[in-house]
N, C-alpha and C. Protein backbone atom coordinates (compact mmCIF):
# COMPACT_ATOMS: atom_id res chain seq x y z
N UNK A 1 37.51 15.84 -55.55
CA UNK A 1 36.24 15.31 -55.21
C UNK A 1 36.29 14.83 -53.76
N UNK A 2 35.20 15.06 -53.06
CA UNK A 2 35.16 14.68 -51.66
C UNK A 2 34.56 13.28 -51.52
N UNK A 3 35.18 12.50 -50.72
CA UNK A 3 34.67 11.15 -50.48
C UNK A 3 33.52 11.24 -49.47
N UNK A 4 32.43 10.62 -49.77
CA UNK A 4 31.31 10.67 -48.83
C UNK A 4 31.51 9.60 -47.77
N UNK A 5 31.34 10.01 -46.57
CA UNK A 5 31.53 9.08 -45.46
C UNK A 5 30.15 8.72 -44.90
N UNK A 6 29.85 7.44 -44.82
CA UNK A 6 28.56 7.02 -44.30
C UNK A 6 28.63 6.88 -42.78
N UNK A 7 27.55 7.26 -42.15
CA UNK A 7 27.49 7.17 -40.70
C UNK A 7 26.53 6.06 -40.31
N UNK A 8 26.74 5.49 -39.13
CA UNK A 8 25.86 4.42 -38.66
C UNK A 8 26.66 3.34 -37.97
N UNK A 9 26.02 2.22 -37.75
CA UNK A 9 26.65 1.10 -37.07
C UNK A 9 26.84 -0.04 -38.04
N UNK A 10 27.89 -0.78 -37.80
CA UNK A 10 28.12 -1.95 -38.65
C UNK A 10 27.30 -3.11 -38.11
N UNK A 11 27.16 -4.14 -38.90
CA UNK A 11 26.41 -5.32 -38.49
C UNK A 11 27.08 -6.00 -37.29
N UNK A 12 28.38 -5.98 -37.24
CA UNK A 12 29.10 -6.59 -36.12
C UNK A 12 28.79 -5.85 -34.82
N UNK A 13 28.77 -4.52 -34.88
CA UNK A 13 28.45 -3.74 -33.68
C UNK A 13 27.02 -4.01 -33.21
N UNK A 14 26.08 -4.05 -34.12
CA UNK A 14 24.70 -4.35 -33.76
C UNK A 14 24.56 -5.75 -33.18
N UNK A 15 25.25 -6.72 -33.74
CA UNK A 15 25.20 -8.08 -33.23
C UNK A 15 25.76 -8.16 -31.81
N UNK A 16 26.85 -7.45 -31.55
CA UNK A 16 27.44 -7.44 -30.20
C UNK A 16 26.47 -6.84 -29.18
N UNK A 17 25.80 -5.76 -29.53
CA UNK A 17 24.84 -5.13 -28.63
C UNK A 17 23.69 -6.09 -28.34
N UNK A 18 23.19 -6.76 -29.36
CA UNK A 18 22.10 -7.71 -29.17
C UNK A 18 22.50 -8.89 -28.30
N UNK A 19 23.72 -9.39 -28.46
CA UNK A 19 24.20 -10.50 -27.64
C UNK A 19 24.31 -10.08 -26.18
N UNK A 20 24.87 -8.91 -25.93
CA UNK A 20 25.02 -8.42 -24.56
C UNK A 20 23.64 -8.19 -23.92
N UNK A 21 22.72 -7.59 -24.66
CA UNK A 21 21.37 -7.35 -24.14
C UNK A 21 20.66 -8.68 -23.84
N UNK A 22 20.85 -9.67 -24.70
CA UNK A 22 20.22 -10.97 -24.49
C UNK A 22 20.76 -11.65 -23.24
N UNK A 23 22.05 -11.58 -23.02
CA UNK A 23 22.65 -12.19 -21.83
C UNK A 23 22.13 -11.50 -20.57
N UNK A 24 22.05 -10.17 -20.58
CA UNK A 24 21.54 -9.45 -19.42
C UNK A 24 20.08 -9.79 -19.14
N UNK A 25 19.27 -9.91 -20.17
CA UNK A 25 17.87 -10.26 -20.00
C UNK A 25 17.72 -11.69 -19.46
N UNK A 26 18.56 -12.59 -19.94
CA UNK A 26 18.50 -13.98 -19.48
C UNK A 26 18.84 -14.07 -17.99
N UNK A 27 19.75 -13.22 -17.53
CA UNK A 27 20.11 -13.23 -16.12
C UNK A 27 19.04 -12.56 -15.26
N UNK A 28 18.35 -11.56 -15.78
CA UNK A 28 17.38 -10.80 -15.00
C UNK A 28 15.99 -11.43 -14.99
N UNK A 29 15.64 -12.21 -15.99
CA UNK A 29 14.28 -12.75 -16.12
C UNK A 29 13.81 -13.57 -14.91
N UNK A 30 14.61 -14.49 -14.37
CA UNK A 30 14.13 -15.25 -13.20
C UNK A 30 13.84 -14.37 -11.98
N UNK A 31 14.66 -13.38 -11.76
CA UNK A 31 14.44 -12.50 -10.62
C UNK A 31 13.19 -11.65 -10.82
N UNK A 32 12.95 -11.20 -12.05
CA UNK A 32 11.75 -10.44 -12.33
C UNK A 32 10.50 -11.29 -12.16
N UNK A 33 10.55 -12.53 -12.63
CA UNK A 33 9.40 -13.43 -12.49
C UNK A 33 9.10 -13.68 -11.01
N UNK A 34 10.13 -13.88 -10.21
CA UNK A 34 9.94 -14.10 -8.77
C UNK A 34 9.35 -12.86 -8.11
N UNK A 35 9.80 -11.69 -8.52
CA UNK A 35 9.27 -10.45 -7.96
C UNK A 35 7.80 -10.28 -8.31
N UNK A 36 7.40 -10.62 -9.53
CA UNK A 36 6.00 -10.52 -9.92
C UNK A 36 5.14 -11.52 -9.15
N UNK A 37 5.65 -12.72 -8.91
CA UNK A 37 4.90 -13.70 -8.13
C UNK A 37 4.70 -13.22 -6.69
N UNK A 38 5.76 -12.68 -6.11
CA UNK A 38 5.66 -12.16 -4.74
C UNK A 38 4.67 -11.01 -4.68
N UNK A 39 4.68 -10.16 -5.67
CA UNK A 39 3.76 -9.02 -5.69
C UNK A 39 2.32 -9.50 -5.84
N UNK A 40 2.08 -10.54 -6.60
CA UNK A 40 0.73 -11.07 -6.76
C UNK A 40 0.21 -11.61 -5.43
N UNK A 41 1.05 -12.29 -4.67
CA UNK A 41 0.65 -12.84 -3.38
C UNK A 41 0.40 -11.70 -2.38
N UNK A 42 1.30 -10.75 -2.33
CA UNK A 42 1.12 -9.61 -1.42
C UNK A 42 -0.11 -8.79 -1.81
N UNK A 43 -0.33 -8.63 -3.11
CA UNK A 43 -1.49 -7.90 -3.58
C UNK A 43 -2.79 -8.58 -3.20
N UNK A 44 -2.81 -9.90 -3.26
CA UNK A 44 -4.00 -10.65 -2.85
C UNK A 44 -4.28 -10.45 -1.36
N UNK A 45 -3.23 -10.48 -0.55
CA UNK A 45 -3.40 -10.23 0.89
C UNK A 45 -3.89 -8.83 1.15
N UNK A 46 -3.37 -7.86 0.42
CA UNK A 46 -3.81 -6.47 0.55
C UNK A 46 -5.29 -6.33 0.17
N UNK A 47 -5.70 -6.99 -0.90
CA UNK A 47 -7.09 -6.94 -1.33
C UNK A 47 -8.01 -7.52 -0.25
N UNK A 48 -7.56 -8.61 0.39
CA UNK A 48 -8.37 -9.21 1.45
C UNK A 48 -8.51 -8.27 2.63
N UNK A 49 -7.43 -7.62 3.02
CA UNK A 49 -7.49 -6.68 4.14
C UNK A 49 -8.46 -5.54 3.82
N UNK A 50 -8.42 -5.05 2.58
CA UNK A 50 -9.36 -3.99 2.18
C UNK A 50 -10.81 -4.49 2.18
N UNK A 51 -11.03 -5.72 1.72
CA UNK A 51 -12.38 -6.29 1.73
C UNK A 51 -12.87 -6.45 3.17
N UNK A 52 -11.99 -6.85 4.07
CA UNK A 52 -12.33 -6.97 5.48
C UNK A 52 -12.74 -5.61 6.04
N UNK A 53 -11.97 -4.59 5.72
CA UNK A 53 -12.29 -3.24 6.17
C UNK A 53 -13.62 -2.76 5.58
N UNK A 54 -13.86 -3.10 4.32
CA UNK A 54 -15.13 -2.74 3.67
C UNK A 54 -16.30 -3.42 4.36
N UNK A 55 -16.14 -4.68 4.74
CA UNK A 55 -17.21 -5.41 5.43
C UNK A 55 -17.55 -4.74 6.76
N UNK A 56 -16.55 -4.37 7.50
CA UNK A 56 -16.79 -3.71 8.80
C UNK A 56 -17.42 -2.34 8.61
N UNK A 57 -16.93 -1.57 7.66
CA UNK A 57 -17.46 -0.22 7.48
C UNK A 57 -18.88 -0.21 6.91
N UNK A 58 -19.21 -1.18 6.04
CA UNK A 58 -20.58 -1.23 5.53
C UNK A 58 -21.55 -1.67 6.61
N UNK A 59 -21.10 -2.53 7.51
CA UNK A 59 -21.95 -2.90 8.65
C UNK A 59 -22.27 -1.67 9.49
N UNK A 60 -21.28 -0.84 9.71
CA UNK A 60 -21.50 0.39 10.46
C UNK A 60 -22.39 1.35 9.70
N UNK A 61 -22.15 1.50 8.42
CA UNK A 61 -22.89 2.47 7.61
C UNK A 61 -24.37 2.14 7.52
N UNK A 62 -24.69 0.88 7.23
CA UNK A 62 -26.08 0.49 7.03
C UNK A 62 -26.75 0.02 8.32
N UNK A 63 -25.98 -0.19 9.37
CA UNK A 63 -26.56 -0.64 10.64
C UNK A 63 -27.10 -2.06 10.57
N UNK A 64 -26.52 -2.86 9.67
CA UNK A 64 -26.97 -4.25 9.48
C UNK A 64 -25.75 -5.17 9.42
N UNK A 65 -26.01 -6.45 9.57
CA UNK A 65 -24.93 -7.43 9.50
C UNK A 65 -24.39 -7.49 8.08
N UNK A 66 -23.06 -7.41 7.96
CA UNK A 66 -22.41 -7.59 6.66
C UNK A 66 -21.64 -8.90 6.69
N UNK A 67 -21.47 -9.49 5.52
CA UNK A 67 -20.80 -10.79 5.42
C UNK A 67 -19.61 -10.70 4.49
N UNK A 68 -18.49 -11.25 4.93
CA UNK A 68 -17.31 -11.38 4.08
C UNK A 68 -17.21 -12.85 3.71
N UNK A 69 -17.49 -13.15 2.45
CA UNK A 69 -17.46 -14.52 1.95
C UNK A 69 -16.07 -14.85 1.44
N UNK A 70 -15.58 -16.03 1.78
CA UNK A 70 -14.28 -16.51 1.31
C UNK A 70 -14.50 -17.84 0.61
N UNK A 71 -14.32 -17.84 -0.70
CA UNK A 71 -14.47 -19.06 -1.50
C UNK A 71 -13.07 -19.54 -1.88
N UNK A 72 -12.49 -20.37 -1.03
CA UNK A 72 -11.11 -20.82 -1.23
C UNK A 72 -10.97 -21.68 -2.49
N UNK A 73 -11.97 -22.46 -2.81
CA UNK A 73 -11.89 -23.35 -3.98
C UNK A 73 -11.77 -22.54 -5.28
N UNK A 74 -12.50 -21.44 -5.36
CA UNK A 74 -12.45 -20.60 -6.57
C UNK A 74 -11.47 -19.45 -6.42
N UNK A 75 -10.77 -19.35 -5.30
CA UNK A 75 -9.79 -18.30 -5.02
C UNK A 75 -10.40 -16.91 -5.19
N UNK A 76 -11.51 -16.67 -4.45
CA UNK A 76 -12.15 -15.37 -4.52
C UNK A 76 -12.81 -15.04 -3.19
N UNK A 77 -13.10 -13.75 -2.98
CA UNK A 77 -13.79 -13.29 -1.78
C UNK A 77 -14.55 -12.02 -2.11
N UNK A 78 -15.64 -11.77 -1.33
CA UNK A 78 -16.49 -10.61 -1.59
C UNK A 78 -17.28 -10.27 -0.33
N UNK A 79 -17.90 -9.08 -0.37
CA UNK A 79 -18.67 -8.58 0.77
C UNK A 79 -20.13 -8.44 0.35
N UNK A 80 -21.04 -8.92 1.22
CA UNK A 80 -22.48 -8.77 0.98
C UNK A 80 -23.12 -8.11 2.20
N UNK A 81 -24.10 -7.26 1.93
CA UNK A 81 -24.86 -6.61 2.99
C UNK A 81 -26.23 -6.24 2.44
N UNK A 82 -27.22 -6.20 3.33
CA UNK A 82 -28.57 -5.78 2.96
C UNK A 82 -28.57 -4.25 2.99
N UNK A 83 -28.43 -3.63 1.82
CA UNK A 83 -28.33 -2.16 1.75
C UNK A 83 -29.70 -1.49 1.76
N UNK A 84 -30.76 -2.21 1.43
CA UNK A 84 -32.08 -1.58 1.31
C UNK A 84 -32.98 -1.84 2.50
N UNK A 85 -32.64 -2.76 3.36
CA UNK A 85 -33.47 -3.09 4.50
C UNK A 85 -34.60 -4.05 4.16
N UNK A 86 -34.57 -4.64 2.98
CA UNK A 86 -35.64 -5.56 2.55
C UNK A 86 -35.29 -7.02 2.80
N UNK A 87 -34.09 -7.28 3.27
CA UNK A 87 -33.66 -8.65 3.51
C UNK A 87 -32.90 -9.25 2.33
N UNK A 88 -32.77 -8.50 1.26
CA UNK A 88 -32.04 -8.97 0.08
C UNK A 88 -30.61 -8.47 0.16
N UNK A 89 -29.68 -9.39 0.12
CA UNK A 89 -28.26 -9.01 0.22
C UNK A 89 -27.69 -8.65 -1.15
N UNK A 90 -26.91 -7.58 -1.18
CA UNK A 90 -26.23 -7.16 -2.40
C UNK A 90 -24.73 -7.23 -2.18
N UNK A 91 -24.01 -7.47 -3.27
CA UNK A 91 -22.56 -7.44 -3.20
C UNK A 91 -22.11 -5.99 -3.17
N UNK A 92 -21.30 -5.65 -2.18
CA UNK A 92 -20.76 -4.31 -2.06
C UNK A 92 -19.34 -4.35 -2.59
N UNK A 93 -18.99 -3.39 -3.42
CA UNK A 93 -17.68 -3.43 -4.07
C UNK A 93 -17.74 -4.43 -5.21
N UNK A 94 -16.75 -5.27 -5.32
CA UNK A 94 -16.75 -6.29 -6.36
C UNK A 94 -16.14 -7.57 -5.83
N UNK A 95 -16.33 -8.62 -6.58
CA UNK A 95 -15.78 -9.92 -6.20
C UNK A 95 -14.29 -9.92 -6.54
N UNK A 96 -13.46 -10.15 -5.54
CA UNK A 96 -12.01 -10.19 -5.73
C UNK A 96 -11.62 -11.61 -6.11
N UNK A 97 -11.15 -11.81 -7.31
CA UNK A 97 -10.70 -13.12 -7.74
C UNK A 97 -9.19 -13.06 -7.97
N UNK A 98 -8.47 -13.94 -7.28
CA UNK A 98 -7.02 -13.97 -7.42
C UNK A 98 -6.56 -15.19 -8.20
N UNK A 99 -7.50 -15.95 -8.74
CA UNK A 99 -7.16 -17.16 -9.50
C UNK A 99 -6.41 -16.81 -10.78
N UNK A 100 -6.71 -15.65 -11.38
CA UNK A 100 -6.03 -15.25 -12.60
C UNK A 100 -4.53 -15.04 -12.37
N UNK A 101 -4.16 -14.65 -11.16
CA UNK A 101 -2.76 -14.44 -10.81
C UNK A 101 -2.09 -15.72 -10.33
N UNK A 102 -2.80 -16.85 -10.44
CA UNK A 102 -2.31 -18.16 -9.99
C UNK A 102 -2.03 -18.19 -8.49
N UNK A 103 -2.82 -17.43 -7.75
CA UNK A 103 -2.70 -17.41 -6.30
C UNK A 103 -3.79 -18.32 -5.74
N UNK A 104 -3.41 -19.19 -4.81
CA UNK A 104 -4.36 -20.09 -4.16
C UNK A 104 -4.68 -19.56 -2.77
N UNK A 105 -5.91 -19.80 -2.36
CA UNK A 105 -6.36 -19.36 -1.03
C UNK A 105 -6.70 -20.58 -0.19
N UNK A 106 -6.27 -20.55 1.06
CA UNK A 106 -6.77 -21.52 2.05
C UNK A 106 -7.20 -20.71 3.26
N UNK A 107 -8.32 -21.09 3.85
CA UNK A 107 -8.88 -20.33 4.96
C UNK A 107 -9.50 -21.25 5.98
N UNK A 108 -9.43 -20.84 7.24
CA UNK A 108 -10.07 -21.60 8.30
C UNK A 108 -11.56 -21.28 8.41
N UNK A 109 -12.00 -20.25 7.72
CA UNK A 109 -13.41 -19.85 7.73
C UNK A 109 -13.87 -19.55 6.30
N UNK A 110 -15.15 -19.75 6.04
CA UNK A 110 -15.72 -19.44 4.73
C UNK A 110 -16.60 -18.19 4.80
N UNK A 111 -16.98 -17.78 6.00
CA UNK A 111 -17.89 -16.64 6.15
C UNK A 111 -17.58 -15.90 7.44
N UNK A 112 -17.24 -14.62 7.32
CA UNK A 112 -17.03 -13.76 8.48
C UNK A 112 -18.12 -12.71 8.47
N UNK A 113 -18.75 -12.48 9.62
CA UNK A 113 -19.84 -11.51 9.70
C UNK A 113 -19.50 -10.42 10.71
N UNK A 114 -20.06 -9.23 10.45
CA UNK A 114 -19.86 -8.09 11.33
C UNK A 114 -21.21 -7.47 11.64
N UNK A 115 -21.44 -7.17 12.92
CA UNK A 115 -22.72 -6.60 13.31
C UNK A 115 -22.74 -5.09 13.05
N UNK A 116 -23.82 -4.44 13.47
CA UNK A 116 -24.00 -3.01 13.21
C UNK A 116 -22.94 -2.14 13.89
N UNK A 117 -22.21 -2.70 14.85
CA UNK A 117 -21.13 -1.97 15.51
C UNK A 117 -19.78 -2.21 14.83
N UNK A 118 -19.74 -3.09 13.83
CA UNK A 118 -18.49 -3.42 13.15
C UNK A 118 -17.67 -4.47 13.86
N UNK A 119 -18.31 -5.17 14.81
CA UNK A 119 -17.63 -6.21 15.59
C UNK A 119 -18.03 -7.57 15.02
N UNK A 120 -17.09 -8.50 15.00
CA UNK A 120 -17.37 -9.84 14.48
C UNK A 120 -18.50 -10.47 15.29
N UNK A 121 -19.40 -11.14 14.58
CA UNK A 121 -20.55 -11.77 15.21
C UNK A 121 -20.69 -13.21 14.72
N UNK A 122 -21.35 -14.04 15.52
CA UNK A 122 -21.54 -15.45 15.14
C UNK A 122 -23.01 -15.80 15.00
N UNK A 123 -23.88 -14.82 14.88
CA UNK A 123 -25.30 -15.09 14.75
C UNK A 123 -25.64 -15.73 13.41
N UNK A 124 -26.68 -16.54 13.39
CA UNK A 124 -27.14 -17.18 12.15
C UNK A 124 -26.11 -18.16 11.62
N UNK A 125 -25.81 -18.05 10.35
CA UNK A 125 -24.85 -18.97 9.73
C UNK A 125 -23.42 -18.45 9.81
N UNK A 126 -23.22 -17.36 10.53
CA UNK A 126 -21.88 -16.75 10.63
C UNK A 126 -20.96 -17.61 11.48
N UNK A 127 -19.72 -17.67 11.06
CA UNK A 127 -18.71 -18.44 11.78
C UNK A 127 -17.94 -17.52 12.72
N UNK A 128 -17.25 -18.07 13.70
CA UNK A 128 -16.46 -17.22 14.61
C UNK A 128 -15.50 -16.32 13.85
N UNK A 129 -15.23 -15.16 14.43
CA UNK A 129 -14.44 -14.14 13.74
C UNK A 129 -12.97 -14.46 13.58
N UNK A 130 -12.44 -15.37 14.38
CA UNK A 130 -11.01 -15.68 14.25
C UNK A 130 -10.78 -16.52 13.00
N UNK A 131 -9.95 -16.03 12.14
CA UNK A 131 -9.69 -16.74 10.88
C UNK A 131 -8.23 -16.56 10.49
N UNK A 132 -7.73 -17.53 9.78
CA UNK A 132 -6.41 -17.45 9.18
C UNK A 132 -6.59 -17.70 7.69
N UNK A 133 -6.20 -16.73 6.90
CA UNK A 133 -6.33 -16.82 5.45
C UNK A 133 -4.93 -16.80 4.86
N UNK A 134 -4.60 -17.81 4.08
CA UNK A 134 -3.26 -17.94 3.49
C UNK A 134 -3.37 -17.80 1.98
N UNK A 135 -2.57 -16.91 1.43
CA UNK A 135 -2.47 -16.71 -0.01
C UNK A 135 -1.12 -17.25 -0.44
N UNK A 136 -1.08 -18.11 -1.47
CA UNK A 136 0.17 -18.76 -1.84
C UNK A 136 0.27 -19.02 -3.32
N UNK A 137 1.51 -18.99 -3.81
CA UNK A 137 1.84 -19.50 -5.14
C UNK A 137 2.81 -20.65 -4.90
N UNK A 138 3.56 -21.01 -5.90
CA UNK A 138 4.44 -22.17 -5.77
C UNK A 138 5.46 -22.01 -4.65
N UNK A 139 6.02 -20.81 -4.48
CA UNK A 139 7.04 -20.66 -3.44
C UNK A 139 6.92 -19.38 -2.62
N UNK A 140 5.80 -18.68 -2.74
CA UNK A 140 5.58 -17.45 -1.96
C UNK A 140 4.28 -17.59 -1.17
N UNK A 141 4.30 -17.10 0.08
CA UNK A 141 3.13 -17.22 0.96
C UNK A 141 2.92 -15.91 1.69
N UNK A 142 1.65 -15.51 1.84
CA UNK A 142 1.29 -14.35 2.65
C UNK A 142 0.11 -14.77 3.53
N UNK A 143 0.23 -14.55 4.82
CA UNK A 143 -0.80 -14.97 5.77
C UNK A 143 -1.45 -13.75 6.40
N UNK A 144 -2.79 -13.77 6.43
CA UNK A 144 -3.56 -12.72 7.10
C UNK A 144 -4.35 -13.40 8.21
N UNK A 145 -4.19 -12.89 9.43
CA UNK A 145 -4.93 -13.44 10.57
C UNK A 145 -5.95 -12.40 11.03
N UNK A 146 -7.13 -12.90 11.38
CA UNK A 146 -8.19 -12.04 11.90
C UNK A 146 -8.50 -12.53 13.31
N UNK A 147 -8.53 -11.61 14.27
CA UNK A 147 -8.80 -11.99 15.66
C UNK A 147 -10.30 -12.21 15.87
N UNK A 148 -10.65 -12.69 17.05
CA UNK A 148 -12.05 -12.98 17.38
C UNK A 148 -12.93 -11.74 17.27
N UNK A 149 -12.39 -10.58 17.63
CA UNK A 149 -13.15 -9.34 17.55
C UNK A 149 -13.15 -8.74 16.15
N UNK A 150 -12.32 -9.26 15.26
CA UNK A 150 -12.31 -8.78 13.89
C UNK A 150 -11.14 -7.90 13.52
N UNK A 151 -10.10 -7.87 14.34
CA UNK A 151 -8.92 -7.08 14.02
C UNK A 151 -8.01 -7.88 13.09
N UNK A 152 -7.40 -7.21 12.11
CA UNK A 152 -6.53 -7.86 11.15
C UNK A 152 -5.08 -7.78 11.63
N UNK A 153 -4.39 -8.94 11.58
CA UNK A 153 -2.97 -9.01 11.91
C UNK A 153 -2.24 -9.54 10.69
N UNK A 154 -1.13 -8.90 10.33
CA UNK A 154 -0.35 -9.36 9.17
C UNK A 154 1.02 -9.78 9.58
């Protein structure tokens, strides 16, 4: 009679694999969390640069003043422009909110405007084009600077 041999892993082998995997995860978790925080801050800065570009390009496209609103208290920013020529401003794109990622915004300006040429303007309630916008979490910071003419520096 042939003895049947069972295949598989013993409980001791499975326990050893789980212990080793747990130790590796415990060592990697802080570095992964820090990488995700850094990416959230960099992503917020990238979104702001894109919104800035959108504000300038919509001003050129519609031939009207566009506004880039920065709401630091609510950690969000968006672009508005009069797309119909009736004097009613519409949000172009969408409102970028970085509060969900626990990113805080501080800015030297609350409103940046661009004229029909895509150049920063100070007419009406618009503030000067030079701005410094800082995106930060507990230990990561990303700064975006905008010059007086509206050029972005990172």
